[in-house]
Amino acid sequence: MKISINKKLDNIMSYILIVVGALMASFSVACILLPNDAIDYGTAGIAIIISKLSGFKLSLCVICVFLPFLVAGVAILGKSFGLRALIGSVAYTVGLELFEEIPFELNTEHFLAVAFGGALLGAGLALILRHGGCIDGSEIFANIVVRKISDYTGKNFSMSNILIGFNACVYTTVFLLINRNAALMSLLVYVVATMIIDHFTDHFEAIKQVTIITKNTDDLIKDIKAELNKTCTVMDSYGAISGENKTLICYINYFELTKMKEIISRHKGTFSTVTTIDEILR
């Protein structure tokens, strides 16, 4: 009973922090980046480009661009991810709507304003990612592509190259359709924001190795296969106190971590660690 209550409180706190992160990101975009000729990256960047070229409200463009990715994310990553992504995207959109109406001026040079805005954006996005949420469709897109390639080839791949390619297309579009200063300022936003995100999420776009020590492996492996479509490497191990155990090693991506934690929590008597893997050689 106590464990169930603690889990509910953890979930509620996660939702609150996702909302806080989304409001930080929306404040950065609406009050700092856009007034200083810079834009967000990913699908939010696409929405800003559409808004600038068409004159439509930014919040409406954000919803229209992100919604297809959200639906795809629910189908691929599950309802738990979908709920957190929905909460984050709603808070982000409402924040944009509110902060666009608030007079705010950062009285400093464009370069410093954009650097600060990128850092604030990165901090907000890191807060969202650390609690299993997402407000950017490019990350969902990269996850889907990586998963499809992995299912087809049987190999694990990082999302880094896909995310870089996606955002390169966004900034090229800004360069061609808006102006070169906006493209360069937006590139600075991307560099600063991703540095902040990497610092707090330990390279979320990289492959994650989950190591699980347990005595009962069959049900755990079955659940991992059924819910994540992942397999495990199983090794014999021995604990000084617990005696004979089994050690499971499984490779997943960052957005599958929440589901993996849920699976592990259902199986008592386990000890798990998560490490970041830059590259897998075969």
C-alpha atoms as a PDB file:
ATOM      1  CA  MET A   1       0.000   0.000   0.000  1.00  0.00           C
ATOM      2  CA  LYS A   2       2.793   2.403   0.950  1.00  0.00           C
ATOM      3  CA  ILE A   3       4.684   1.562  -2.243  1.00  0.00           C
ATOM      4  CA  SER A   4       1.551   2.262  -4.312  1.00  0.00           C
ATOM      5  CA  ILE A   5       1.065   5.655  -2.626  1.00  0.00           C
ATOM      6  CA  ASN A   6       4.725   6.564  -3.164  1.00  0.00           C
ATOM      7  CA  LYS A   7       4.443   5.615  -6.832  1.00  0.00           C
ATOM      8  CA  LYS A   8       1.372   7.817  -7.264  1.00  0.00           C
ATOM      9  CA  LEU A   9       3.142  10.721  -5.570  1.00  0.00           C
ATOM     10  CA  ASP A  10       6.171  10.216  -7.827  1.00  0.00           C
ATOM     11  CA  ASN A  11       3.899  10.269 -10.880  1.00  0.00           C
ATOM     12  CA  ILE A  12       2.143  13.443  -9.720  1.00  0.00           C
ATOM     13  CA  MET A  13       5.495  15.128  -9.074  1.00  0.00           C
ATOM     14  CA  SER A  14       6.694  14.059 -12.534  1.00  0.00           C
ATOM     15  CA  TYR A  15       3.644  15.656 -14.147  1.00  0.00           C
ATOM     16  CA  ILE A  16       4.194  18.862 -12.181  1.00  0.00           C
ATOM     17  CA  LEU A  17       7.850  19.073 -13.201  1.00  0.00           C
ATOM     18  CA  ILE A  18       6.943  18.379 -16.839  1.00  0.00           C
ATOM     19  CA  VAL A  19       4.530  21.342 -16.703  1.00  0.00           C
ATOM     20  CA  VAL A  20       7.231  23.522 -15.094  1.00  0.00           C
ATOM     21  CA  GLY A  21       9.727  22.517 -17.788  1.00  0.00           C
ATOM     22  CA  ALA A  22       7.211  23.212 -20.562  1.00  0.00           C
ATOM     23  CA  LEU A  23       6.458  26.681 -19.147  1.00  0.00           C
ATOM     24  CA  MET A  24      10.190  27.426 -18.931  1.00  0.00           C
ATOM     25  CA  ALA A  25      10.591  26.415 -22.580  1.00  0.00           C
ATOM     26  CA  SER A  26       7.572  28.432 -23.748  1.00  0.00           C
ATOM     27  CA  PHE A  27       8.752  31.528 -21.835  1.00  0.00           C
ATOM     28  CA  SER A  28      12.174  31.231 -23.445  1.00  0.00           C
ATOM     29  CA  VAL A  29      10.704  30.954 -26.946  1.00  0.00           C
ATOM     30  CA  ALA A  30       7.996  33.625 -26.639  1.00  0.00           C
ATOM     31  CA  CYS A  31       9.798  36.235 -24.536  1.00  0.00           C
ATOM     32  CA  ILE A  32      13.485  35.809 -25.373  1.00  0.00           C
ATOM     33  CA  LEU A  33      14.197  33.881 -28.572  1.00  0.00           C
ATOM     34  CA  LEU A  34      11.529  35.212 -30.962  1.00  0.00           C
ATOM     35  CA  PRO A  35      12.046  38.897 -30.003  1.00  0.00           C
ATOM     36  CA  ASN A  36      15.773  38.389 -30.707  1.00  0.00           C
ATOM     37  CA  ASP A  37      15.344  36.834 -34.183  1.00  0.00           C
ATOM     38  CA  ALA A  38      15.978  33.264 -33.074  1.00  0.00           C
ATOM     39  CA  ILE A  39      13.729  30.208 -33.109  1.00  0.00           C
ATOM     40  CA  ASP A  40      13.394  26.905 -31.332  1.00  0.00           C
ATOM     41  CA  TYR A  41      14.546  23.699 -33.040  1.00  0.00           C
ATOM     42  CA  GLY A  42      12.769  20.462 -33.967  1.00  0.00           C
ATOM     43  CA  THR A  43       9.054  20.496 -34.744  1.00  0.00           C
ATOM     44  CA  ALA A  44       8.640  23.653 -32.650  1.00  0.00           C
ATOM     45  CA  GLY A  45      11.035  25.299 -35.106  1.00  0.00           C
ATOM     46  CA  ILE A  46       8.896  24.096 -38.007  1.00  0.00           C
ATOM     47  CA  ALA A  47       5.800  25.552 -36.307  1.00  0.00           C
ATOM     48  CA  ILE A  48       7.558  28.911 -35.844  1.00  0.00           C
ATOM     49  CA  ILE A  49       8.570  28.979 -39.522  1.00  0.00           C
ATOM     50  CA  ILE A  50       4.978  28.251 -40.575  1.00  0.00           C
ATOM     51  CA  SER A  51       3.690  30.935 -38.214  1.00  0.00           C
ATOM     52  CA  LYS A  52       6.135  33.550 -39.525  1.00  0.00           C
ATOM     53  CA  LEU A  53       5.377  32.784 -43.185  1.00  0.00           C
ATOM     54  CA  SER A  54       1.604  32.364 -42.885  1.00  0.00           C
ATOM     55  CA  GLY A  55       0.695  34.765 -40.087  1.00  0.00           C
ATOM     56  CA  PHE A  56      -1.175  32.054 -38.156  1.00  0.00           C
ATOM     57  CA  LYS A  57      -0.955  32.071 -34.362  1.00  0.00           C
ATOM     58  CA  LEU A  58       2.120  30.263 -33.097  1.00  0.00           C
ATOM     59  CA  SER A  59       0.246  28.164 -30.525  1.00  0.00           C
ATOM     60  CA  LEU A  60      -2.088  26.849 -33.254  1.00  0.00           C
ATOM     61  CA  CYS A  61       0.859  25.966 -35.498  1.00  0.00           C
ATOM     62  CA  VAL A  62       2.591  24.142 -32.620  1.00  0.00           C
ATOM     63  CA  ILE A  63      -0.513  22.008 -32.005  1.00  0.00           C
ATOM     64  CA  CYS A  64      -0.986  21.161 -35.695  1.00  0.00           C
ATOM     65  CA  VAL A  65       2.675  20.206 -36.227  1.00  0.00           C
ATOM     66  CA  PHE A  66       3.122  18.223 -32.995  1.00  0.00           C
ATOM     67  CA  LEU A  67      -0.199  16.337 -33.000  1.00  0.00           C
ATOM     68  CA  PRO A  68       0.726  13.722 -35.673  1.00  0.00           C
ATOM     69  CA  PHE A  69       3.978  12.963 -33.846  1.00  0.00           C
ATOM     70  CA  LEU A  70       2.114  12.663 -30.544  1.00  0.00           C
ATOM     71  CA  VAL A  71      -0.286  10.109 -32.050  1.00  0.00           C
ATOM     72  CA  ALA A  72       2.649   8.157 -33.467  1.00  0.00           C
ATOM     73  CA  GLY A  73       4.425   8.336 -30.091  1.00  0.00           C
ATOM     74  CA  VAL A  74       1.418   6.866 -28.290  1.00  0.00           C
ATOM     75  CA  ALA A  75       1.244   4.026 -30.824  1.00  0.00           C
ATOM     76  CA  ILE A  76       4.957   3.229 -30.576  1.00  0.00           C
ATOM     77  CA  LEU A  77       5.889   4.155 -26.986  1.00  0.00           C
ATOM     78  CA  GLY A  78       2.620   3.524 -25.149  1.00  0.00           C
ATOM     79  CA  LYS A  79      -0.077   5.423 -23.278  1.00  0.00           C
ATOM     80  CA  SER A  80       2.132   6.392 -20.328  1.00  0.00           C
ATOM     81  CA  PHE A  81       4.520   8.250 -22.630  1.00  0.00           C
ATOM     82  CA  GLY A  82       1.556   9.697 -24.529  1.00  0.00           C
ATOM     83  CA  LEU A  83       0.003  11.135 -21.369  1.00  0.00           C
ATOM     84  CA  ARG A  84       3.252  12.801 -20.297  1.00  0.00           C
ATOM     85  CA  ALA A  85       3.847  14.136 -23.821  1.00  0.00           C
ATOM     86  CA  LEU A  86       0.278  15.439 -23.976  1.00  0.00           C
ATOM     87  CA  ILE A  87       0.602  17.214 -20.608  1.00  0.00           C
ATOM     88  CA  GLY A  88       3.901  18.764 -21.675  1.00  0.00           C
ATOM     89  CA  SER A  89       2.633  19.884 -25.087  1.00  0.00           C
ATOM     90  CA  VAL A  90      -0.556  21.398 -23.635  1.00  0.00           C
ATOM     91  CA  ALA A  91       1.447  23.307 -21.005  1.00  0.00           C
ATOM     92  CA  TYR A  92       3.915  24.454 -23.693  1.00  0.00           C
ATOM     93  CA  THR A  93       1.128  25.652 -25.994  1.00  0.00           C
ATOM     94  CA  VAL A  94      -0.766  27.433 -23.218  1.00  0.00           C
ATOM     95  CA  GLY A  95       2.512  29.015 -22.110  1.00  0.00           C
ATOM     96  CA  LEU A  96       3.160  30.355 -25.610  1.00  0.00           C
ATOM     97  CA  GLU A  97      -0.352  31.809 -25.720  1.00  0.00           C
ATOM     98  CA  LEU A  98       0.107  33.529 -22.354  1.00  0.00           C
ATOM     99  CA  PHE A  99       3.689  34.715 -22.644  1.00  0.00           C
ATOM    100  CA  GLU A 100       3.134  36.234 -26.111  1.00  0.00           C
ATOM    101  CA  GLU A 101       0.785  38.711 -24.436  1.00  0.00           C
ATOM    102  CA  ILE A 102       3.195  39.627 -21.634  1.00  0.00           C
ATOM    103  CA  PRO A 103       5.490  42.600 -22.293  1.00  0.00           C
ATOM    104  CA  PHE A 104       9.028  41.457 -21.567  1.00  0.00           C
ATOM    105  CA  GLU A 105      12.323  42.910 -22.699  1.00  0.00           C
ATOM    106  CA  LEU A 106      15.761  41.506 -21.956  1.00  0.00           C
ATOM    107  CA  ASN A 107      17.879  44.645 -22.181  1.00  0.00           C
ATOM    108  CA  THR A 108      21.114  43.150 -23.454  1.00  0.00           C
ATOM    109  CA  GLU A 109      22.866  42.239 -26.708  1.00  0.00           C
ATOM    110  CA  HIS A 110      21.184  39.787 -29.085  1.00  0.00           C
ATOM    111  CA  PHE A 111      23.996  37.266 -28.682  1.00  0.00           C
ATOM    112  CA  LEU A 112      23.762  37.198 -24.870  1.00  0.00           C
ATOM    113  CA  ALA A 113      19.961  37.139 -24.959  1.00  0.00           C
ATOM    114  CA  VAL A 114      19.926  34.189 -27.350  1.00  0.00           C
ATOM    115  CA  ALA A 115      22.557  32.337 -25.314  1.00  0.00           C
ATOM    116  CA  PHE A 116      20.515  32.848 -22.137  1.00  0.00           C
ATOM    117  CA  GLY A 117      17.295  31.901 -23.935  1.00  0.00           C
ATOM    118  CA  GLY A 118      18.913  28.734 -25.270  1.00  0.00           C
ATOM    119  CA  ALA A 119      20.119  27.804 -21.771  1.00  0.00           C
ATOM    120  CA  LEU A 120      16.653  28.359 -20.294  1.00  0.00           C
ATOM    121  CA  LEU A 121      15.077  26.362 -23.125  1.00  0.00           C
ATOM    122  CA  GLY A 122      17.558  23.535 -22.575  1.00  0.00           C
ATOM    123  CA  ALA A 123      16.880  23.489 -18.837  1.00  0.00           C
ATOM    124  CA  GLY A 124      13.141  23.251 -19.449  1.00  0.00           C
ATOM    125  CA  LEU A 125      13.498  20.480 -22.024  1.00  0.00           C
ATOM    126  CA  ALA A 126      15.907  18.569 -19.756  1.00  0.00           C
ATOM    127  CA  LEU A 127      13.354  18.730 -16.942  1.00  0.00           C
ATOM    128  CA  ILE A 128      10.703  17.301 -19.285  1.00  0.00           C
ATOM    129  CA  LEU A 129      12.948  14.537 -20.626  1.00  0.00           C
ATOM    130  CA  ARG A 130      14.143  13.472 -17.173  1.00  0.00           C
ATOM    131  CA  HIS A 131      10.542  12.797 -16.177  1.00  0.00           C
ATOM    132  CA  GLY A 132       9.552  10.826 -19.259  1.00  0.00           C
ATOM    133  CA  GLY A 133       7.866  13.619 -21.204  1.00  0.00           C
ATOM    134  CA  CYS A 134       8.413  15.199 -24.583  1.00  0.00           C
ATOM    135  CA  ILE A 135       7.240  18.375 -26.333  1.00  0.00           C
ATOM    136  CA  ASP A 136       9.196  17.996 -29.559  1.00  0.00           C
ATOM    137  CA  GLY A 137       8.168  15.701 -32.393  1.00  0.00           C
ATOM    138  CA  SER A 138      11.689  15.378 -33.800  1.00  0.00           C
ATOM    139  CA  GLU A 139      12.640  13.183 -30.835  1.00  0.00           C
ATOM    140  CA  ILE A 140       9.584  10.972 -31.388  1.00  0.00           C
ATOM    141  CA  PHE A 141      10.388  10.830 -35.109  1.00  0.00           C
ATOM    142  CA  ALA A 142      13.999   9.840 -34.406  1.00  0.00           C
ATOM    143  CA  ASN A 143      12.869   7.187 -31.933  1.00  0.00           C
ATOM    144  CA  ILE A 144      10.439   5.673 -34.455  1.00  0.00           C
ATOM    145  CA  VAL A 145      13.066   5.616 -37.213  1.00  0.00           C
ATOM    146  CA  VAL A 146      15.665   4.038 -34.911  1.00  0.00           C
ATOM    147  CA  ARG A 147      13.166   1.426 -33.717  1.00  0.00           C
ATOM    148  CA  LYS A 148      12.149   0.502 -37.271  1.00  0.00           C
ATOM    149  CA  ILE A 149      15.785   0.217 -38.355  1.00  0.00           C
ATOM    150  CA  SER A 150      16.595  -1.855 -35.258  1.00  0.00           C
ATOM    151  CA  ASP A 151      13.627  -4.173 -35.892  1.00  0.00           C
ATOM    152  CA  TYR A 152      14.728  -4.629 -39.500  1.00  0.00           C
ATOM    153  CA  THR A 153      18.468  -5.081 -38.902  1.00  0.00           C
ATOM    154  CA  GLY A 154      18.526  -6.456 -35.336  1.00  0.00           C
ATOM    155  CA  LYS A 155      21.077  -3.770 -34.349  1.00  0.00           C
ATOM    156  CA  ASN A 156      20.856  -0.888 -31.884  1.00  0.00           C
ATOM    157  CA  PHE A 157      21.384   2.647 -33.167  1.00  0.00           C
ATOM    158  CA  SER A 158      21.699   6.082 -31.579  1.00  0.00           C
ATOM    159  CA  MET A 159      19.201   8.853 -32.387  1.00  0.00           C
ATOM    160  CA  SER A 160      21.955  11.478 -32.701  1.00  0.00           C
ATOM    161  CA  ASN A 161      22.417  11.435 -36.472  1.00  0.00           C
ATOM    162  CA  ILE A 162      18.682  11.547 -37.154  1.00  0.00           C
ATOM    163  CA  LEU A 163      18.164  14.487 -34.781  1.00  0.00           C
ATOM    164  CA  ILE A 164      21.106  16.372 -36.302  1.00  0.00           C
ATOM    165  CA  GLY A 165      19.783  15.752 -39.820  1.00  0.00           C
ATOM    166  CA  PHE A 166      16.245  16.826 -38.848  1.00  0.00           C
ATOM    167  CA  ASN A 167      17.433  20.079 -37.302  1.00  0.00           C
ATOM    168  CA  ALA A 168      19.840  20.746 -40.173  1.00  0.00           C
ATOM    169  CA  CYS A 169      16.787  20.739 -42.467  1.00  0.00           C
ATOM    170  CA  VAL A 170      14.990  23.160 -40.114  1.00  0.00           C
ATOM    171  CA  TYR A 171      17.879  25.629 -40.038  1.00  0.00           C
ATOM    172  CA  THR A 172      18.450  25.386 -43.780  1.00  0.00           C
ATOM    173  CA  THR A 173      14.799  26.312 -44.240  1.00  0.00           C
ATOM    174  CA  VAL A 174      15.228  29.279 -41.883  1.00  0.00           C
ATOM    175  CA  PHE A 175      18.315  30.372 -43.831  1.00  0.00           C
ATOM    176  CA  LEU A 176      16.508  30.192 -47.190  1.00  0.00           C
ATOM    177  CA  LEU A 177      13.027  31.446 -46.269  1.00  0.00           C
ATOM    178  CA  ILE A 178      13.586  33.879 -43.392  1.00  0.00           C
ATOM    179  CA  ASN A 179      17.146  35.266 -43.152  1.00  0.00           C
ATOM    180  CA  ARG A 180      20.692  34.178 -42.403  1.00  0.00           C
ATOM    181  CA  ASN A 181      20.906  36.045 -39.081  1.00  0.00           C
ATOM    182  CA  ALA A 182      17.886  34.134 -37.767  1.00  0.00           C
ATOM    183  CA  ALA A 183      19.469  30.867 -38.925  1.00  0.00           C
ATOM    184  CA  LEU A 184      22.767  31.614 -37.166  1.00  0.00           C
ATOM    185  CA  MET A 185      21.064  32.782 -33.973  1.00  0.00           C
ATOM    186  CA  SER A 186      18.876  29.670 -34.016  1.00  0.00           C
ATOM    187  CA  LEU A 187      21.930  27.469 -34.456  1.00  0.00           C
ATOM    188  CA  LEU A 188      23.379  29.071 -31.323  1.00  0.00           C
ATOM    189  CA  VAL A 189      20.136  28.203 -29.506  1.00  0.00           C
ATOM    190  CA  TYR A 190      20.496  24.568 -30.596  1.00  0.00           C
ATOM    191  CA  VAL A 191      24.127  24.325 -29.450  1.00  0.00           C
ATOM    192  CA  VAL A 192      23.493  25.900 -26.036  1.00  0.00           C
ATOM    193  CA  ALA A 193      20.229  24.035 -25.401  1.00  0.00           C
ATOM    194  CA  THR A 194      21.654  20.615 -26.325  1.00  0.00           C
ATOM    195  CA  MET A 195      24.683  21.200 -24.089  1.00  0.00           C
ATOM    196  CA  ILE A 196      22.350  21.879 -21.145  1.00  0.00           C
ATOM    197  CA  ILE A 197      20.168  18.865 -22.009  1.00  0.00           C
ATOM    198  CA  ASP A 198      23.179  16.562 -22.298  1.00  0.00           C
ATOM    199  CA  HIS A 199      24.468  17.766 -18.923  1.00  0.00           C
ATOM    200  CA  PHE A 200      21.249  16.903 -17.104  1.00  0.00           C
ATOM    201  CA  THR A 201      20.115  13.836 -19.070  1.00  0.00           C
ATOM    202  CA  ASP A 202      23.465  12.160 -19.841  1.00  0.00           C
ATOM    203  CA  HIS A 203      23.113  12.218 -23.640  1.00  0.00           C
ATOM    204  CA  PHE A 204      19.452  11.285 -23.963  1.00  0.00           C
ATOM    205  CA  GLU A 205      19.879  10.567 -27.686  1.00  0.00           C
ATOM    206  CA  ALA A 206      22.444   7.804 -27.026  1.00  0.00           C
ATOM    207  CA  ILE A 207      21.823   4.097 -26.421  1.00  0.00           C
ATOM    208  CA  LYS A 208      21.191   3.065 -22.808  1.00  0.00           C
ATOM    209  CA  GLN A 209      22.437  -0.181 -21.260  1.00  0.00           C
ATOM    210  CA  VAL A 210      20.209  -1.496 -18.491  1.00  0.00           C
ATOM    211  CA  THR A 211      21.862  -4.073 -16.214  1.00  0.00           C
ATOM    212  CA  ILE A 212      19.486  -6.042 -13.984  1.00  0.00           C
ATOM    213  CA  ILE A 213      20.570  -8.448 -11.235  1.00  0.00           C
ATOM    214  CA  THR A 214      17.798 -10.813 -10.175  1.00  0.00           C
ATOM    215  CA  LYS A 215      17.053 -14.385  -9.180  1.00  0.00           C
ATOM    216  CA  ASN A 216      13.872 -14.748 -11.250  1.00  0.00           C
ATOM    217  CA  THR A 217      14.528 -14.052 -14.917  1.00  0.00           C
ATOM    218  CA  ASP A 218      11.826 -15.796 -16.961  1.00  0.00           C
ATOM    219  CA  ASP A 219       8.888 -13.479 -16.229  1.00  0.00           C
ATOM    220  CA  LEU A 220      11.079 -10.382 -16.417  1.00  0.00           C
ATOM    221  CA  ILE A 221      12.494 -11.340 -19.813  1.00  0.00           C
ATOM    222  CA  LYS A 222       8.987 -12.203 -21.022  1.00  0.00           C
ATOM    223  CA  ASP A 223       7.657  -8.762 -20.033  1.00  0.00           C
ATOM    224  CA  ILE A 224      10.606  -6.934 -21.620  1.00  0.00           C
ATOM    225  CA  LYS A 225      10.024  -8.844 -24.853  1.00  0.00           C
ATOM    226  CA  ALA A 226       6.255  -8.289 -24.832  1.00  0.00           C
ATOM    227  CA  GLU A 227       6.232  -4.593 -23.866  1.00  0.00           C
ATOM    228  CA  LEU A 228       9.481  -3.284 -25.376  1.00  0.00           C
ATOM    229  CA  ASN A 229      10.177  -5.896 -28.059  1.00  0.00           C
ATOM    230  CA  LYS A 230      13.721  -6.190 -26.697  1.00  0.00           C
ATOM    231  CA  THR A 231      15.823  -9.203 -25.879  1.00  0.00           C
ATOM    232  CA  CYS A 232      18.362  -9.655 -23.070  1.00  0.00           C
ATOM    233  CA  THR A 233      21.779 -11.159 -22.574  1.00  0.00           C
ATOM    234  CA  VAL A 234      21.716 -13.464 -19.521  1.00  0.00           C
ATOM    235  CA  MET A 235      24.806 -14.233 -17.430  1.00  0.00           C
ATOM    236  CA  ASP A 236      25.382 -16.173 -14.232  1.00  0.00           C
ATOM    237  CA  SER A 237      26.515 -14.014 -11.319  1.00  0.00           C
ATOM    238  CA  TYR A 238      27.154 -14.386  -7.615  1.00  0.00           C
ATOM    239  CA  GLY A 239      26.488 -11.956  -4.751  1.00  0.00           C
ATOM    240  CA  ALA A 240      28.467 -12.053  -1.510  1.00  0.00           C
ATOM    241  CA  ILE A 241      25.202 -11.919   0.471  1.00  0.00           C
ATOM    242  CA  SER A 242      22.469 -12.939  -1.976  1.00  0.00           C
ATOM    243  CA  GLY A 243      24.346 -15.887  -3.447  1.00  0.00           C
ATOM    244  CA  GLU A 244      23.659 -17.116  -6.981  1.00  0.00           C
ATOM    245  CA  ASN A 245      21.902 -14.628  -9.283  1.00  0.00           C
ATOM    246  CA  LYS A 246      21.335 -13.923 -12.939  1.00  0.00           C
ATOM    247  CA  THR A 247      22.509 -10.705 -14.601  1.00  0.00           C
ATOM    248  CA  LEU A 248      20.442  -9.388 -17.510  1.00  0.00           C
ATOM    249  CA  ILE A 249      21.779  -6.814 -19.968  1.00  0.00           C
ATOM    250  CA  CYS A 250      19.362  -4.999 -22.257  1.00  0.00           C
ATOM    251  CA  TYR A 251      19.897  -2.105 -24.690  1.00  0.00           C
ATOM    252  CA  ILE A 252      17.155   0.497 -25.108  1.00  0.00           C
ATOM    253  CA  ASN A 253      16.778   4.187 -25.932  1.00  0.00           C
ATOM    254  CA  TYR A 254      16.014   7.053 -23.550  1.00  0.00           C
ATOM    255  CA  PHE A 255      12.285   7.145 -24.266  1.00  0.00           C
ATOM    256  CA  GLU A 256      11.963   3.466 -23.384  1.00  0.00           C
ATOM    257  CA  LEU A 257      13.490   3.990 -19.940  1.00  0.00           C
ATOM    258  CA  THR A 258      10.179   4.897 -18.303  1.00  0.00           C
ATOM    259  CA  LYS A 259       8.552   1.693 -19.544  1.00  0.00           C
ATOM    260  CA  MET A 260      11.613  -0.333 -18.486  1.00  0.00           C
ATOM    261  CA  LYS A 261      11.403   1.162 -14.974  1.00  0.00           C
ATOM    262  CA  GLU A 262       7.728   0.195 -14.794  1.00  0.00           C
ATOM    263  CA  ILE A 263       8.539  -3.383 -15.808  1.00  0.00           C
ATOM    264  CA  ILE A 264      11.385  -3.686 -13.286  1.00  0.00           C
ATOM    265  CA  SER A 265       9.235  -2.230 -10.484  1.00  0.00           C
ATOM    266  CA  ARG A 266       6.738  -5.067 -10.932  1.00  0.00           C
ATOM    267  CA  HIS A 267       9.439  -7.657 -10.252  1.00  0.00           C
ATOM    268  CA  LYS A 268      10.690  -7.587  -6.672  1.00  0.00           C
ATOM    269  CA  GLY A 269      14.188  -8.514  -5.603  1.00  0.00           C
ATOM    270  CA  THR A 270      15.973  -6.814  -8.494  1.00  0.00           C
ATOM    271  CA  PHE A 271      18.944  -4.439  -8.564  1.00  0.00           C
ATOM    272  CA  SER A 272      19.375  -2.345 -11.701  1.00  0.00           C
ATOM    273  CA  THR A 273      21.740   0.226 -13.174  1.00  0.00           C
ATOM    274  CA  VAL A 274      21.564   2.356 -16.335  1.00  0.00           C
ATOM    275  CA  THR A 275      24.632   3.483 -18.276  1.00  0.00           C
ATOM    276  CA  THR A 276      25.089   5.454 -21.483  1.00  0.00           C
ATOM    277  CA  ILE A 277      26.616   3.673 -24.464  1.00  0.00           C
ATOM    278  CA  ASP A 278      28.175   5.860 -27.169  1.00  0.00           C
ATOM    279  CA  GLU A 279      28.601   3.092 -29.709  1.00  0.00           C
ATOM    280  CA  ILE A 280      28.045  -0.643 -30.154  1.00  0.00           C
ATOM    281  CA  LEU A 281      30.597  -2.505 -32.275  1.00  0.00           C
ATOM    282  CA  ARG A 282      29.672  -5.705 -34.087  1.00  0.00           C
END
